[in-house]
Amino acid sequence: MKLRTSLTASRDGSLVDATDENLICDAAAAHALMEAMEQVLTIATRDVIKQRADEIMAGWGFDTGEDA
């Protein structure tokens, strides 16, 4: 699975390739990844991965809405 958008900002500050179509595709990819994780991983492993993902998002300056 390859994401279509990039977190690298262009010279004008906009996100590279952040078109509506690409953002929708990336959101669907994220949901597919979460669905696959739900189907394959044990509860303990899944919880550790979700916690780590929240930590990464927080490090990037995003509020995930999850309780720590």
Protein backbone atom coordinates (compact mmCIF):
# COMPACT_ATOMS: atom_id res chain seq x y z
CA MET A 1 0.00 0.00 0.00
CA LYS A 2 1.44 3.36 -1.00
CA LEU A 3 0.04 6.66 0.20
CA ARG A 4 -0.54 9.31 -2.43
CA THR A 5 0.11 12.40 -0.34
CA SER A 6 3.31 13.64 1.21
CA LEU A 7 4.03 15.38 4.49
CA THR A 8 6.77 17.38 2.77
CA ALA A 9 5.63 20.97 2.38
CA SER A 10 6.17 22.80 -0.89
CA ARG A 11 7.76 26.25 -1.04
CA ASP A 12 4.37 27.94 -0.59
CA GLY A 13 3.62 25.85 2.52
CA SER A 14 0.97 23.61 0.95
CA LEU A 15 1.21 19.84 1.14
CA VAL A 16 2.55 18.18 -1.97
CA ASP A 17 -0.06 16.17 -3.92
CA ALA A 18 -2.78 16.90 -1.35
CA THR A 19 -5.67 16.84 -3.81
CA ASP A 20 -9.13 15.74 -2.69
CA GLU A 21 -8.81 12.48 -4.66
CA ASN A 22 -5.42 11.66 -3.10
CA LEU A 23 -6.57 12.55 0.43
CA ILE A 24 -9.67 10.35 0.05
CA CYS A 25 -7.50 7.47 -1.20
CA ASP A 26 -5.11 7.88 1.75
CA ALA A 27 -8.00 7.96 4.23
CA ALA A 28 -9.37 4.75 2.69
CA ALA A 29 -5.89 3.17 2.92
CA ALA A 30 -5.68 4.10 6.61
CA HIS A 31 -9.09 2.53 7.25
CA ALA A 32 -8.13 -0.61 5.31
CA LEU A 33 -4.97 -0.90 7.40
CA MET A 34 -6.97 -0.58 10.62
CA GLU A 35 -9.50 -3.17 9.40
CA ALA A 36 -6.73 -5.61 8.49
CA MET A 37 -5.12 -5.05 11.89
CA GLU A 38 -8.44 -5.77 13.62
CA GLN A 39 -8.78 -9.04 11.70
CA VAL A 40 -5.23 -10.33 12.16
CA LEU A 41 -3.68 -9.13 15.40
CA THR A 42 -4.32 -10.16 18.98
CA ILE A 43 -5.96 -7.61 21.26
CA ALA A 44 -2.74 -6.93 23.19
CA THR A 45 -0.66 -6.40 20.04
CA ARG A 46 -3.35 -4.22 18.46
CA ASP A 47 -3.53 -2.02 21.56
CA VAL A 48 0.24 -1.54 21.61
CA ILE A 49 0.24 -0.56 17.92
CA LYS A 50 -2.63 1.90 18.39
CA GLN A 51 -0.90 3.47 21.39
CA ARG A 52 2.35 3.85 19.45
CA ALA A 53 0.48 5.34 16.47
CA ASP A 54 -1.12 7.90 18.81
CA GLU A 55 2.34 8.76 20.18
CA ILE A 56 3.67 9.28 16.66
CA MET A 57 0.70 11.48 15.71
CA ALA A 58 1.16 13.54 18.89
CA GLY A 59 4.85 13.94 18.03
CA TRP A 60 3.77 15.36 14.69
CA GLY A 61 1.52 17.87 16.49
CA PHE A 62 -1.86 16.17 15.96
CA ASP A 63 -4.49 15.65 18.66
CA THR A 64 -5.76 12.11 18.06
CA GLY A 65 -8.68 12.53 20.44
CA GLU A 66 -7.61 9.43 22.33
CA ASP A 67 -7.01 9.37 26.06
CA ALA A 68 -3.38 8.66 26.93
